Amino acid sequence: MVRQPALPLWRRVVFVDWHDVLSRSPYWASVVTEARHPLHRPLRVALGRLYGNPELMAGWTTGRLRTEDVVAALGVEPVGRYDADWLCRRVEADCRLMRVNVELLRVLQVVRERAFVVVATDNVPPFARTFRHAAGARRLVPAPVDDTLASWAPLCDDLICSSDVGIRKEADPVAFFGPYLAACGLRFEDALLIDDRSANCSAFRAAGGSALRWTMHTDPLELLTTAVENWLPLAPSEPPEPEPAEVEPHPAEPHPVG
């Protein structure tokens, strides 16, 4: 679902990928990063199999498979109260605590003075629910209090998630991004995608947009900042004249989500 944009209605939108751009936190982080947890080792092994199973990951990230189905497929033996139901609840709770790239988000807050900033991710239903719940919560303090998703989600304009739209970015960028662009009265020519995957960037450019390949903890933030500033119009009233922004590609690294 696309949120009604708040005024002013910008003529630009920056779509930002989640994994390896805004965050590097894994699913079930409280388990897989805590060596003393009873499920630490078996869950790490099971997630390795999950990330190596494109069909299973595609089913989860497009909403065709429920989290319960995926947890059952993981085959992690329960230890006491840490059973399949607990894993289903825990993945959603841990999404709230995913650590974010605060430096990049601060740059994007400046960008929001001239463009929409929308998280665009190939991701799973628990992530989408958690992000939207956090984004819809009214903030009681004037600024984020920590470096978690729950704290920063309200400072993004919207979310497009593959598990909501039923397709991933590379497979059909028009189906993925098109509804949001149409709701805002924008075109692909008005949009920039920041993503760590070359395939996603190429597909977005083929649809008419601009794309910047950028990876967290690998590429300098200054490179991204300069590229975005060069892409943005000098004033909101000027007609769009986008130039595709590119970064020299890095060797592809497999990861669970986009």
C-alpha atoms as a PDB file:
ATOM      1  CA  MET A   1       0.000   0.000   0.000  1.00  0.00           C
ATOM      2  CA  VAL A   2       1.260   3.473  -0.914  1.00  0.00           C
ATOM      3  CA  ARG A   3       0.913   6.212   1.686  1.00  0.00           C
ATOM      4  CA  GLN A   4      -0.513   9.531   0.549  1.00  0.00           C
ATOM      5  CA  PRO A   5       2.537  11.808   0.289  1.00  0.00           C
ATOM      6  CA  ALA A   6       2.600  14.822   2.561  1.00  0.00           C
ATOM      7  CA  LEU A   7       2.857  18.289   1.035  1.00  0.00           C
ATOM      8  CA  PRO A   8       4.920  19.673  -0.534  1.00  0.00           C
ATOM      9  CA  LEU A   9       4.697  17.212  -3.424  1.00  0.00           C
ATOM     10  CA  TRP A  10       8.248  16.885  -4.658  1.00  0.00           C
ATOM     11  CA  ARG A  11       9.113  16.180  -8.278  1.00  0.00           C
ATOM     12  CA  ARG A  12      11.868  13.801  -7.265  1.00  0.00           C
ATOM     13  CA  VAL A  13      12.030  10.529  -5.346  1.00  0.00           C
ATOM     14  CA  VAL A  14      15.073   8.657  -4.063  1.00  0.00           C
ATOM     15  CA  PHE A  15      14.506   4.938  -3.572  1.00  0.00           C
ATOM     16  CA  VAL A  16      16.940   3.379  -1.081  1.00  0.00           C
ATOM     17  CA  ASP A  17      17.672  -0.324  -0.718  1.00  0.00           C
ATOM     18  CA  TRP A  18      17.739  -1.890   2.745  1.00  0.00           C
ATOM     19  CA  HIS A  19      20.243  -4.738   2.972  1.00  0.00           C
ATOM     20  CA  ASP A  20      23.875  -3.674   2.516  1.00  0.00           C
ATOM     21  CA  VAL A  21      22.793  -0.043   1.983  1.00  0.00           C
ATOM     22  CA  LEU A  22      20.766   1.005   5.024  1.00  0.00           C
ATOM     23  CA  SER A  23      21.497  -2.022   7.214  1.00  0.00           C
ATOM     24  CA  ARG A  24      23.543  -5.194   7.495  1.00  0.00           C
ATOM     25  CA  SER A  25      21.585  -6.780  10.330  1.00  0.00           C
ATOM     26  CA  PRO A  26      20.533 -10.390   9.719  1.00  0.00           C
ATOM     27  CA  TYR A  27      17.182 -11.954  10.520  1.00  0.00           C
ATOM     28  CA  TRP A  28      17.000 -13.348  14.069  1.00  0.00           C
ATOM     29  CA  ALA A  29      19.981 -11.179  15.035  1.00  0.00           C
ATOM     30  CA  SER A  30      19.394 -11.705  18.759  1.00  0.00           C
ATOM     31  CA  VAL A  31      20.026 -15.420  18.221  1.00  0.00           C
ATOM     32  CA  VAL A  32      22.664 -15.624  15.497  1.00  0.00           C
ATOM     33  CA  THR A  33      24.872 -12.944  17.071  1.00  0.00           C
ATOM     34  CA  GLU A  34      24.603 -14.349  20.610  1.00  0.00           C
ATOM     35  CA  ALA A  35      26.844 -17.393  20.975  1.00  0.00           C
ATOM     36  CA  ARG A  36      25.274 -18.360  24.317  1.00  0.00           C
ATOM     37  CA  HIS A  37      21.755 -18.701  22.908  1.00  0.00           C
ATOM     38  CA  PRO A  38      20.573 -22.340  22.745  1.00  0.00           C
ATOM     39  CA  LEU A  39      19.582 -21.957  19.080  1.00  0.00           C
ATOM     40  CA  HIS A  40      22.676 -20.011  18.028  1.00  0.00           C
ATOM     41  CA  ARG A  41      24.485 -22.756  16.141  1.00  0.00           C
ATOM     42  CA  PRO A  42      21.504 -24.662  14.655  1.00  0.00           C
ATOM     43  CA  LEU A  43      19.841 -21.457  13.455  1.00  0.00           C
ATOM     44  CA  ARG A  44      23.050 -20.170  11.848  1.00  0.00           C
ATOM     45  CA  VAL A  45      23.402 -23.448   9.961  1.00  0.00           C
ATOM     46  CA  ALA A  46      19.733 -23.378   8.930  1.00  0.00           C
ATOM     47  CA  LEU A  47      19.969 -19.775   7.712  1.00  0.00           C
ATOM     48  CA  GLY A  48      22.957 -20.707   5.585  1.00  0.00           C
ATOM     49  CA  ARG A  49      20.746 -23.264   3.849  1.00  0.00           C
ATOM     50  CA  LEU A  50      17.913 -20.735   3.545  1.00  0.00           C
ATOM     51  CA  TYR A  51      20.075 -18.068   1.913  1.00  0.00           C
ATOM     52  CA  GLY A  52      21.406 -20.724  -0.464  1.00  0.00           C
ATOM     53  CA  ASN A  53      17.892 -21.731  -1.522  1.00  0.00           C
ATOM     54  CA  PRO A  54      16.709 -19.145  -4.097  1.00  0.00           C
ATOM     55  CA  GLU A  55      13.270 -20.720  -4.443  1.00  0.00           C
ATOM     56  CA  LEU A  56      12.561 -20.610  -0.715  1.00  0.00           C
ATOM     57  CA  MET A  57      13.875 -17.059  -0.358  1.00  0.00           C
ATOM     58  CA  ALA A  58      11.888 -15.919  -3.410  1.00  0.00           C
ATOM     59  CA  GLY A  59       8.726 -17.406  -1.924  1.00  0.00           C
ATOM     60  CA  TRP A  60       9.254 -15.623   1.400  1.00  0.00           C
ATOM     61  CA  THR A  61      10.295 -12.270  -0.067  1.00  0.00           C
ATOM     62  CA  THR A  62       7.337 -12.178  -2.463  1.00  0.00           C
ATOM     63  CA  GLY A  63       4.789 -13.183   0.179  1.00  0.00           C
ATOM     64  CA  ARG A  64       3.952 -16.522  -1.418  1.00  0.00           C
ATOM     65  CA  LEU A  65       5.300 -18.322   1.642  1.00  0.00           C
ATOM     66  CA  ARG A  66       4.337 -17.458   5.202  1.00  0.00           C
ATOM     67  CA  THR A  67       6.953 -17.074   7.902  1.00  0.00           C
ATOM     68  CA  GLU A  68       5.513 -20.223   9.488  1.00  0.00           C
ATOM     69  CA  ASP A  69       6.243 -22.135   6.276  1.00  0.00           C
ATOM     70  CA  VAL A  70       9.820 -20.856   6.188  1.00  0.00           C
ATOM     71  CA  VAL A  71      10.456 -21.651   9.857  1.00  0.00           C
ATOM     72  CA  ALA A  72       9.136 -25.170   9.291  1.00  0.00           C
ATOM     73  CA  ALA A  73      11.478 -25.533   6.312  1.00  0.00           C
ATOM     74  CA  LEU A  74      14.432 -24.439   8.459  1.00  0.00           C
ATOM     75  CA  GLY A  75      14.007 -27.584  10.531  1.00  0.00           C
ATOM     76  CA  VAL A  76      15.512 -26.151  13.715  1.00  0.00           C
ATOM     77  CA  GLU A  77      14.850 -28.518  16.608  1.00  0.00           C
ATOM     78  CA  PRO A  78      13.160 -26.768  19.556  1.00  0.00           C
ATOM     79  CA  VAL A  79      15.049 -26.269  22.796  1.00  0.00           C
ATOM     80  CA  GLY A  80      12.663 -25.708  25.684  1.00  0.00           C
ATOM     81  CA  ARG A  81      10.471 -22.699  24.957  1.00  0.00           C
ATOM     82  CA  TYR A  82      12.484 -21.833  21.853  1.00  0.00           C
ATOM     83  CA  ASP A  83      10.209 -23.596  19.372  1.00  0.00           C
ATOM     84  CA  ALA A  84       8.806 -22.744  15.919  1.00  0.00           C
ATOM     85  CA  ASP A  85       6.201 -20.343  17.318  1.00  0.00           C
ATOM     86  CA  TRP A  86       8.916 -18.519  19.245  1.00  0.00           C
ATOM     87  CA  LEU A  87      11.043 -18.203  16.085  1.00  0.00           C
ATOM     88  CA  CYS A  88       8.080 -16.703  14.203  1.00  0.00           C
ATOM     89  CA  ARG A  89       7.587 -14.094  16.908  1.00  0.00           C
ATOM     90  CA  ARG A  90      11.302 -13.443  17.357  1.00  0.00           C
ATOM     91  CA  VAL A  91      12.051 -12.614  13.725  1.00  0.00           C
ATOM     92  CA  GLU A  92       9.522  -9.779  13.848  1.00  0.00           C
ATOM     93  CA  ALA A  93      10.783  -8.503  17.193  1.00  0.00           C
ATOM     94  CA  ASP A  94      14.356  -8.529  15.923  1.00  0.00           C
ATOM     95  CA  CYS A  95      13.386  -6.533  12.831  1.00  0.00           C
ATOM     96  CA  ARG A  96      12.583  -3.617  15.150  1.00  0.00           C
ATOM     97  CA  LEU A  97      16.142  -3.784  16.467  1.00  0.00           C
ATOM     98  CA  MET A  98      17.916  -3.973  13.101  1.00  0.00           C
ATOM     99  CA  ARG A  99      20.804  -1.517  13.222  1.00  0.00           C
ATOM    100  CA  VAL A 100      20.769   1.148  10.524  1.00  0.00           C
ATOM    101  CA  ASN A 101      23.332   3.240   8.672  1.00  0.00           C
ATOM    102  CA  VAL A 102      22.850   6.432  10.650  1.00  0.00           C
ATOM    103  CA  GLU A 103      25.350   8.439   8.595  1.00  0.00           C
ATOM    104  CA  LEU A 104      23.484   7.680   5.373  1.00  0.00           C
ATOM    105  CA  LEU A 105      20.107   8.388   6.956  1.00  0.00           C
ATOM    106  CA  ARG A 106      21.345  11.794   8.097  1.00  0.00           C
ATOM    107  CA  VAL A 107      22.328  12.564   4.504  1.00  0.00           C
ATOM    108  CA  LEU A 108      18.887  11.424   3.352  1.00  0.00           C
ATOM    109  CA  GLN A 109      17.188  13.751   5.839  1.00  0.00           C
ATOM    110  CA  VAL A 110      18.780  16.642   3.955  1.00  0.00           C
ATOM    111  CA  VAL A 111      17.643  15.086   0.669  1.00  0.00           C
ATOM    112  CA  ARG A 112      14.058  15.031   2.030  1.00  0.00           C
ATOM    113  CA  GLU A 113      14.045  18.829   1.780  1.00  0.00           C
ATOM    114  CA  ARG A 114      13.907  18.393  -2.018  1.00  0.00           C
ATOM    115  CA  ALA A 115      12.711  14.843  -2.700  1.00  0.00           C
ATOM    116  CA  PHE A 116      10.781  11.916  -1.276  1.00  0.00           C
ATOM    117  CA  VAL A 117      12.959   9.243   0.362  1.00  0.00           C
ATOM    118  CA  VAL A 118      11.441   5.774   0.102  1.00  0.00           C
ATOM    119  CA  VAL A 119      12.887   2.473   1.291  1.00  0.00           C
ATOM    120  CA  ALA A 120      12.623  -0.026  -1.591  1.00  0.00           C
ATOM    121  CA  THR A 121      13.561  -3.556  -0.589  1.00  0.00           C
ATOM    122  CA  ASP A 122      13.243  -7.195  -1.543  1.00  0.00           C
ATOM    123  CA  ASN A 123      12.242  -8.298   1.918  1.00  0.00           C
ATOM    124  CA  VAL A 124       9.956 -10.488   3.991  1.00  0.00           C
ATOM    125  CA  PRO A 125       6.503  -9.925   5.569  1.00  0.00           C
ATOM    126  CA  PRO A 126       7.780  -9.534   9.159  1.00  0.00           C
ATOM    127  CA  PHE A 127      10.091  -6.757   8.020  1.00  0.00           C
ATOM    128  CA  ALA A 128       7.314  -4.914   6.159  1.00  0.00           C
ATOM    129  CA  ARG A 129       4.918  -5.131   9.115  1.00  0.00           C
ATOM    130  CA  THR A 130       7.565  -3.988  11.571  1.00  0.00           C
ATOM    131  CA  PHE A 131       8.720  -1.077   9.424  1.00  0.00           C
ATOM    132  CA  ARG A 132       5.192   0.212   8.850  1.00  0.00           C
ATOM    133  CA  HIS A 133       4.257  -0.114  12.500  1.00  0.00           C
ATOM    134  CA  ALA A 134       7.362   1.831  13.505  1.00  0.00           C
ATOM    135  CA  ALA A 135       6.854   4.434  10.757  1.00  0.00           C
ATOM    136  CA  GLY A 136       3.253   5.018  11.841  1.00  0.00           C
ATOM    137  CA  ALA A 137       4.102   5.545  15.494  1.00  0.00           C
ATOM    138  CA  ARG A 138       4.042   9.153  16.652  1.00  0.00           C
ATOM    139  CA  ARG A 139       7.442  10.189  17.955  1.00  0.00           C
ATOM    140  CA  LEU A 140       7.582  11.356  21.551  1.00  0.00           C
ATOM    141  CA  VAL A 141      11.072  12.821  21.156  1.00  0.00           C
ATOM    142  CA  PRO A 142      12.270  15.214  18.440  1.00  0.00           C
ATOM    143  CA  ALA A 143      15.041  12.936  17.076  1.00  0.00           C
ATOM    144  CA  PRO A 144      15.933   9.234  16.877  1.00  0.00           C
ATOM    145  CA  VAL A 145      17.163   7.898  20.186  1.00  0.00           C
ATOM    146  CA  ASP A 146      19.319   5.041  18.842  1.00  0.00           C
ATOM    147  CA  ASP A 147      20.500   3.366  15.646  1.00  0.00           C
ATOM    148  CA  THR A 148      17.603   0.926  15.170  1.00  0.00           C
ATOM    149  CA  LEU A 149      14.899   0.543  12.539  1.00  0.00           C
ATOM    150  CA  ALA A 150      12.244   1.368  15.128  1.00  0.00           C
ATOM    151  CA  SER A 151      13.848   4.740  15.794  1.00  0.00           C
ATOM    152  CA  TRP A 152      14.556   5.812  12.191  1.00  0.00           C
ATOM    153  CA  ALA A 153      11.645   4.377  10.164  1.00  0.00           C
ATOM    154  CA  PRO A 154       9.403   7.413  10.868  1.00  0.00           C
ATOM    155  CA  LEU A 155      11.931   9.620   9.072  1.00  0.00           C
ATOM    156  CA  CYS A 156      11.402   7.878   5.726  1.00  0.00           C
ATOM    157  CA  ASP A 157       8.480   8.854   3.505  1.00  0.00           C
ATOM    158  CA  ASP A 158       7.336   5.344   2.623  1.00  0.00           C
ATOM    159  CA  LEU A 159       8.230   1.711   2.065  1.00  0.00           C
ATOM    160  CA  ILE A 160       7.960  -0.493  -1.018  1.00  0.00           C
ATOM    161  CA  CYS A 161       8.519  -4.131  -0.073  1.00  0.00           C
ATOM    162  CA  SER A 162       8.539  -7.124  -2.424  1.00  0.00           C
ATOM    163  CA  SER A 163       6.436  -9.167  -0.008  1.00  0.00           C
ATOM    164  CA  ASP A 164       3.664  -6.554  -0.374  1.00  0.00           C
ATOM    165  CA  VAL A 165       3.778  -6.105  -4.156  1.00  0.00           C
ATOM    166  CA  GLY A 166       4.430  -9.789  -4.886  1.00  0.00           C
ATOM    167  CA  ILE A 167       7.486  -9.275  -7.078  1.00  0.00           C
ATOM    168  CA  ARG A 168      11.129  -8.371  -6.646  1.00  0.00           C
ATOM    169  CA  LYS A 169      12.882  -5.318  -8.068  1.00  0.00           C
ATOM    170  CA  GLU A 170      14.961  -6.994 -10.737  1.00  0.00           C
ATOM    171  CA  ALA A 171      12.111  -9.186 -12.031  1.00  0.00           C
ATOM    172  CA  ASP A 172       9.790  -6.298 -12.929  1.00  0.00           C
ATOM    173  CA  PRO A 173      10.768  -2.767 -11.868  1.00  0.00           C
ATOM    174  CA  VAL A 174       7.617  -1.329 -13.461  1.00  0.00           C
ATOM    175  CA  ALA A 175       5.388  -3.552 -11.304  1.00  0.00           C
ATOM    176  CA  PHE A 176       7.534  -2.919  -8.228  1.00  0.00           C
ATOM    177  CA  PHE A 177       8.014   0.857  -8.421  1.00  0.00           C
ATOM    178  CA  GLY A 178       5.232   1.889 -10.812  1.00  0.00           C
ATOM    179  CA  PRO A 179       2.309   2.113  -8.344  1.00  0.00           C
ATOM    180  CA  TYR A 180       4.230   4.443  -6.037  1.00  0.00           C
ATOM    181  CA  LEU A 181       5.390   6.660  -8.898  1.00  0.00           C
ATOM    182  CA  ALA A 182       1.864   6.843 -10.314  1.00  0.00           C
ATOM    183  CA  ALA A 183       0.387   7.723  -6.909  1.00  0.00           C
ATOM    184  CA  CYS A 184       2.822  10.628  -6.639  1.00  0.00           C
ATOM    185  CA  GLY A 185       2.381  11.781 -10.238  1.00  0.00           C
ATOM    186  CA  LEU A 186       6.003  10.904 -11.005  1.00  0.00           C
ATOM    187  CA  ARG A 187       7.832   8.963 -13.720  1.00  0.00           C
ATOM    188  CA  PHE A 188      10.903   6.750 -13.681  1.00  0.00           C
ATOM    189  CA  GLU A 189      12.760   9.754 -15.094  1.00  0.00           C
ATOM    190  CA  ASP A 190      12.056  11.508 -11.779  1.00  0.00           C
ATOM    191  CA  ALA A 191      13.545   8.700  -9.671  1.00  0.00           C
ATOM    192  CA  LEU A 192      16.952   7.604  -8.401  1.00  0.00           C
ATOM    193  CA  LEU A 193      17.615   4.132  -6.973  1.00  0.00           C
ATOM    194  CA  ILE A 194      20.460   3.540  -4.509  1.00  0.00           C
ATOM    195  CA  ASP A 195      21.130  -0.209  -4.393  1.00  0.00           C
ATOM    196  CA  ASP A 196      24.051  -2.559  -3.807  1.00  0.00           C
ATOM    197  CA  ARG A 197      23.091  -5.003  -6.591  1.00  0.00           C
ATOM    198  CA  SER A 198      24.108  -4.322 -10.179  1.00  0.00           C
ATOM    199  CA  ALA A 199      21.130  -6.305 -11.508  1.00  0.00           C
ATOM    200  CA  ASN A 200      18.655  -4.097  -9.650  1.00  0.00           C
ATOM    201  CA  CYS A 201      20.395  -0.941 -10.878  1.00  0.00           C
ATOM    202  CA  SER A 202      20.447  -2.154 -14.488  1.00  0.00           C
ATOM    203  CA  ALA A 203      16.761  -3.077 -14.413  1.00  0.00           C
ATOM    204  CA  PHE A 204      15.870   0.330 -12.956  1.00  0.00           C
ATOM    205  CA  ARG A 205      17.854   2.160 -15.642  1.00  0.00           C
ATOM    206  CA  ALA A 206      16.194   0.040 -18.337  1.00  0.00           C
ATOM    207  CA  ALA A 207      12.822   1.253 -17.020  1.00  0.00           C
ATOM    208  CA  GLY A 208      13.943   4.877 -17.434  1.00  0.00           C
ATOM    209  CA  GLY A 209      15.301   5.773 -14.007  1.00  0.00           C
ATOM    210  CA  SER A 210      18.728   6.703 -12.672  1.00  0.00           C
ATOM    211  CA  ALA A 211      20.632   4.343 -10.400  1.00  0.00           C
ATOM    212  CA  LEU A 212      23.639   4.449  -8.113  1.00  0.00           C
ATOM    213  CA  ARG A 213      25.344   1.236  -7.085  1.00  0.00           C
ATOM    214  CA  TRP A 214      26.569   1.763  -3.517  1.00  0.00           C
ATOM    215  CA  THR A 215      27.429  -0.634  -0.708  1.00  0.00           C
ATOM    216  CA  MET A 216      27.533   0.085   3.017  1.00  0.00           C
ATOM    217  CA  HIS A 217      31.008  -0.179   4.626  1.00  0.00           C
ATOM    218  CA  THR A 218      32.578  -0.562   1.161  1.00  0.00           C
ATOM    219  CA  ASP A 219      31.914   2.632  -0.788  1.00  0.00           C
ATOM    220  CA  PRO A 220      32.643   6.094   0.666  1.00  0.00           C
ATOM    221  CA  LEU A 221      29.618   8.081   1.779  1.00  0.00           C
ATOM    222  CA  GLU A 222      31.050  11.155   0.043  1.00  0.00           C
ATOM    223  CA  LEU A 223      30.685   9.394  -3.309  1.00  0.00           C
ATOM    224  CA  LEU A 224      26.978   8.829  -2.672  1.00  0.00           C
ATOM    225  CA  THR A 225      26.425  12.352  -1.372  1.00  0.00           C
ATOM    226  CA  THR A 226      28.045  13.907  -4.438  1.00  0.00           C
ATOM    227  CA  ALA A 227      26.138  11.671  -6.856  1.00  0.00           C
ATOM    228  CA  VAL A 228      22.777  12.477  -5.241  1.00  0.00           C
ATOM    229  CA  GLU A 229      23.507  16.211  -5.166  1.00  0.00           C
ATOM    230  CA  ASN A 230      24.444  16.145  -8.855  1.00  0.00           C
ATOM    231  CA  TRP A 231      21.238  14.293  -9.694  1.00  0.00           C
ATOM    232  CA  LEU A 232      18.845  16.485  -7.729  1.00  0.00           C
ATOM    233  CA  PRO A 233      17.492  19.585  -9.527  1.00  0.00           C
ATOM    234  CA  LEU A 234      18.777  22.965  -8.439  1.00  0.00           C
ATOM    235  CA  ALA A 235      15.243  23.980  -7.471  1.00  0.00           C
ATOM    236  CA  PRO A 236      11.997  21.988  -7.074  1.00  0.00           C
ATOM    237  CA  SER A 237      10.307  24.003  -9.825  1.00  0.00           C
ATOM    238  CA  GLU A 238      12.847  23.149 -12.515  1.00  0.00           C
ATOM    239  CA  PRO A 239      11.994  20.447 -15.061  1.00  0.00           C
ATOM    240  CA  PRO A 240      13.725  17.117 -14.371  1.00  0.00           C
ATOM    241  CA  GLU A 241      16.917  16.419 -16.290  1.00  0.00           C
ATOM    242  CA  PRO A 242      18.212  13.204 -14.696  1.00  0.00           C
ATOM    243  CA  GLU A 243      21.607  11.791 -15.488  1.00  0.00           C
ATOM    244  CA  PRO A 244      22.174   8.131 -14.550  1.00  0.00           C
ATOM    245  CA  ALA A 245      24.665   7.879 -11.704  1.00  0.00           C
ATOM    246  CA  GLU A 246      26.954   4.882 -11.643  1.00  0.00           C
ATOM    247  CA  VAL A 247      29.659   3.431  -9.443  1.00  0.00           C
ATOM    248  CA  GLU A 248      32.277   0.969 -10.626  1.00  0.00           C
ATOM    249  CA  PRO A 249      30.781  -2.471  -9.831  1.00  0.00           C
ATOM    250  CA  HIS A 250      32.131  -4.667  -7.060  1.00  0.00           C
ATOM    251  CA  PRO A 251      32.212  -8.459  -7.256  1.00  0.00           C
ATOM    252  CA  ALA A 252      28.700  -9.714  -6.523  1.00  0.00           C
ATOM    253  CA  GLU A 253      28.135 -10.915  -2.982  1.00  0.00           C
ATOM    254  CA  PRO A 254      25.119 -13.133  -2.273  1.00  0.00           C
ATOM    255  CA  HIS A 255      22.832 -11.866   0.448  1.00  0.00           C
ATOM    256  CA  PRO A 256      19.313 -12.732   1.581  1.00  0.00           C
ATOM    257  CA  VAL A 257      17.415  -9.558   0.782  1.00  0.00           C
ATOM    258  CA  GLY A 258      17.666  -6.358  -1.204  1.00  0.00           C
END
